[in-house]
Amino acid sequence: MAEAGFVKDLFATPKNLTSQKIIYGEEIQNFISYKERGFIKLIFDEVQVEEHLIADMILKFNAPVSIMYANTNEFDGITNGYMVLDLPKEPQIREKLIDHLLKQGLRVENL
């Protein structure tokens, strides 16, 4: 056994390399690169998304945000999955963006 926990947590945030290889497949090499570049992982854990979260955030804070990778699914208006985002490196702007995402009910992890 590589890892134990709730299934939704294992798929959203696999902790060890073996689990990550199973969940992410070939994309794992990109995740290793993402960690080195300081990207964040935005986790949609049974969230109801009714607006354009990323676009609205970019406009509100006038900050560039790139979606580097995304794997999300929607069923009956509920979104599950994750996105890997590249945020500005300036600490004050980065902190405001992450705080905004958290206030939207999303989970955020540093990669």
Protein backbone atom coordinates (compact mmCIF):
# COMPACT_ATOMS: atom_id res chain seq x y z
CA MET A 1 0.00 0.00 0.00
CA ALA A 2 1.47 3.32 -1.08
CA GLU A 3 -0.93 5.63 0.73
CA ALA A 4 -4.05 5.51 2.89
CA GLY A 5 -6.95 7.91 3.31
CA PHE A 6 -10.26 8.94 1.85
CA VAL A 7 -10.52 8.22 -1.88
CA LYS A 8 -11.42 11.82 -2.78
CA ASP A 9 -8.35 13.07 -0.86
CA LEU A 10 -6.05 10.53 -2.48
CA PHE A 11 -7.14 11.62 -5.94
CA ALA A 12 -7.09 15.35 -5.14
CA THR A 13 -3.76 15.41 -3.28
CA PRO A 14 -1.65 12.27 -3.65
CA LYS A 15 1.35 12.62 -1.34
CA ASN A 16 3.96 10.10 -2.44
CA LEU A 17 5.54 9.52 -5.84
CA THR A 18 3.94 6.09 -6.40
CA SER A 19 0.44 7.51 -5.83
CA GLN A 20 1.24 10.53 -7.99
CA LYS A 21 2.33 8.28 -10.87
CA ILE A 22 -0.94 6.35 -10.64
CA ILE A 23 -3.11 9.47 -10.49
CA TYR A 24 -1.24 11.75 -12.90
CA GLY A 25 0.28 9.18 -15.27
CA GLU A 26 2.64 10.77 -17.77
CA GLU A 27 1.76 14.23 -16.46
CA ILE A 28 3.88 13.48 -13.35
CA GLN A 29 7.02 14.79 -15.06
CA ASN A 30 5.32 18.14 -15.52
CA PHE A 31 4.28 18.19 -11.86
CA ILE A 32 7.89 17.75 -10.81
CA SER A 33 8.74 20.78 -12.97
CA TYR A 34 5.75 22.69 -11.53
CA LYS A 35 7.08 22.21 -7.99
CA GLU A 36 10.43 23.68 -8.99
CA ARG A 37 8.69 26.72 -10.50
CA GLY A 38 6.46 27.48 -7.49
CA PHE A 39 3.08 26.84 -9.09
CA ILE A 40 -0.07 26.26 -7.06
CA LYS A 41 -2.67 23.54 -7.28
CA LEU A 42 -6.28 24.72 -7.11
CA ILE A 43 -8.52 21.89 -5.90
CA PHE A 44 -12.20 21.71 -6.76
CA ASP A 45 -13.60 19.37 -4.14
CA GLU A 46 -17.34 19.06 -4.76
CA VAL A 47 -17.65 22.81 -5.33
CA GLN A 48 -20.52 24.53 -7.07
CA VAL A 49 -18.94 26.93 -9.56
CA GLU A 50 -21.35 29.41 -11.10
CA GLU A 51 -18.94 32.07 -12.29
CA HIS A 52 -15.69 32.42 -14.17
CA LEU A 53 -13.37 32.17 -11.16
CA ILE A 54 -10.03 32.58 -12.90
CA ALA A 55 -11.12 35.24 -15.41
CA ASP A 56 -12.90 37.26 -12.71
CA MET A 57 -9.83 37.05 -10.46
CA ILE A 58 -7.53 38.24 -13.25
CA LEU A 59 -9.80 41.23 -13.93
CA LYS A 60 -10.36 42.07 -10.26
CA PHE A 61 -6.66 42.09 -9.33
CA ASN A 62 -5.24 43.05 -12.74
CA ALA A 63 -2.75 40.21 -12.38
CA PRO A 64 -1.62 37.68 -14.98
CA VAL A 65 -2.52 34.07 -14.17
CA SER A 66 -1.73 31.11 -16.41
CA ILE A 67 -3.53 27.77 -16.31
CA MET A 68 -0.71 25.28 -16.79
CA TYR A 69 -2.80 22.12 -16.47
CA ALA A 70 -6.37 21.28 -15.61
CA ASN A 71 -8.35 18.13 -14.94
CA THR A 72 -11.88 18.96 -13.86
CA ASN A 73 -15.26 17.30 -14.26
CA GLU A 74 -18.73 18.62 -13.63
CA PHE A 75 -21.73 16.49 -12.70
CA ASP A 76 -25.08 17.97 -11.70
CA GLY A 77 -23.49 21.42 -11.29
CA ILE A 78 -20.80 20.17 -8.91
CA THR A 79 -17.15 20.49 -9.97
CA ASN A 80 -14.40 18.08 -8.92
CA GLY A 81 -10.78 18.08 -9.99
CA TYR A 82 -7.86 20.45 -9.99
CA MET A 83 -5.95 23.11 -11.89
CA VAL A 84 -2.29 23.99 -11.78
CA LEU A 85 -1.84 27.76 -11.90
CA ASP A 86 1.17 29.98 -12.41
CA LEU A 87 0.66 33.11 -10.32
CA PRO A 88 2.79 36.26 -10.25
CA LYS A 89 5.90 35.84 -8.10
CA GLU A 90 5.43 39.12 -6.17
CA PRO A 91 4.50 37.98 -2.62
CA GLN A 92 1.83 40.65 -2.00
CA ILE A 93 -0.05 39.95 -5.24
CA ARG A 94 0.34 36.20 -4.90
CA GLU A 95 -1.03 36.32 -1.35
CA LYS A 96 -4.07 38.37 -2.44
CA LEU A 97 -4.84 35.93 -5.25
CA ILE A 98 -4.55 32.86 -3.02
CA ASP A 99 -6.70 34.52 -0.34
CA HIS A 100 -9.33 35.30 -2.98
CA LEU A 101 -9.39 31.66 -4.14
CA LEU A 102 -9.74 30.42 -0.56
CA LYS A 103 -12.67 32.78 0.00
CA GLN A 104 -14.36 31.16 -3.01
CA GLY A 105 -14.37 27.85 -1.09
CA LEU A 106 -11.51 26.25 -3.00
CA ARG A 107 -8.51 24.42 -1.61
CA VAL A 108 -5.09 25.72 -2.59
CA GLU A 109 -1.78 23.87 -2.28
CA ASN A 110 1.72 25.01 -3.10
CA LEU A 111 3.38 22.52 -5.41
